[in-house]
Amino acid sequence: MNSLSAVLIGGPADLPPNRRLLRLAAVEEVVRCKFGAGYECFHFLGERMAFDPSVLVYEWSHREEAMSE
């Protein structure tokens, strides 16, 4: 099975660069990235990197706080 490359744009400035590069099994509408006490949410808007169209671009949309149990 081939995986897709994706990059996460925007969101917290302190989200490490190595967390911004992903391999996905399929195109997903939303990618949730665990960070701190919650999740950073990135949406795929159909864009790809200009220098490499095989890389999907996900843009930050919002943060979800983790629910305590």
Protein backbone atom coordinates (compact mmCIF):
# COMPACT_ATOMS: atom_id res chain seq x y z
CA MET A 1 0.00 0.00 0.00
CA ASN A 2 1.30 3.45 -0.92
CA SER A 3 1.25 6.21 1.65
CA LEU A 4 0.79 9.91 1.00
CA SER A 5 3.01 12.72 2.22
CA ALA A 6 1.40 15.64 4.01
CA VAL A 7 2.55 18.85 5.66
CA LEU A 8 0.77 20.74 8.46
CA ILE A 9 0.70 24.53 8.04
CA GLY A 10 -0.14 27.08 10.74
CA GLY A 11 -1.17 26.40 14.31
CA PRO A 12 1.11 26.75 17.33
CA ALA A 13 4.54 28.17 16.59
CA ASP A 14 6.07 25.67 19.04
CA LEU A 15 4.71 22.59 17.23
CA PRO A 16 8.01 20.92 16.26
CA PRO A 17 8.91 20.75 12.54
CA ASN A 18 9.19 16.94 12.67
CA ARG A 19 5.53 16.77 13.81
CA ARG A 20 4.47 18.80 10.76
CA LEU A 21 5.46 16.12 8.24
CA LEU A 22 3.16 13.11 8.04
CA ARG A 23 2.57 9.90 6.11
CA LEU A 24 -1.10 9.10 5.56
CA ALA A 25 -2.72 5.93 4.24
CA ALA A 26 -5.41 8.01 2.47
CA VAL A 27 -6.55 11.60 2.05
CA GLU A 28 -8.41 12.63 5.19
CA GLU A 29 -10.59 15.72 5.60
CA VAL A 30 -9.19 16.44 9.08
CA VAL A 31 -5.94 15.43 10.75
CA ARG A 32 -5.74 15.70 14.55
CA CYS A 33 -2.27 16.09 16.01
CA LYS A 34 -1.83 15.40 19.76
CA PHE A 35 0.00 18.35 21.25
CA GLY A 36 0.22 19.33 24.89
CA ALA A 37 -3.09 18.76 26.69
CA GLY A 38 -5.15 18.66 23.50
CA TYR A 39 -5.22 18.19 19.76
CA GLU A 40 -4.37 20.61 16.97
CA CYS A 41 -6.78 20.14 14.06
CA PHE A 42 -5.73 20.63 10.45
CA HIS A 43 -8.08 20.54 7.44
CA PHE A 44 -7.28 19.50 3.89
CA LEU A 45 -8.51 22.19 1.50
CA GLY A 46 -7.41 20.46 -1.68
CA GLU A 47 -4.05 22.21 -1.91
CA ARG A 48 -0.69 20.62 -2.69
CA MET A 49 2.87 21.91 -2.34
CA ALA A 50 3.90 23.95 -5.41
CA PHE A 51 7.39 22.41 -5.53
CA ASP A 52 6.05 18.85 -5.09
CA PRO A 53 2.38 18.25 -6.00
CA SER A 54 2.49 14.83 -4.34
CA VAL A 55 2.61 16.51 -0.90
CA LEU A 56 -0.82 17.38 0.53
CA VAL A 57 -1.19 20.63 2.49
CA TYR A 58 -3.28 20.66 5.66
CA GLU A 59 -4.04 24.05 7.23
CA TRP A 60 -4.61 24.59 10.95
CA SER A 61 -8.22 25.29 11.84
CA HIS A 62 -8.64 24.95 15.60
CA ARG A 63 -7.55 23.34 18.85
CA GLU A 64 -9.55 20.72 20.76
CA GLU A 65 -8.89 20.37 24.46
CA ALA A 66 -8.46 16.79 25.68
CA MET A 67 -11.39 15.57 27.70
CA SER A 68 -10.49 14.45 31.20
CA GLU A 69 -12.00 11.21 32.40
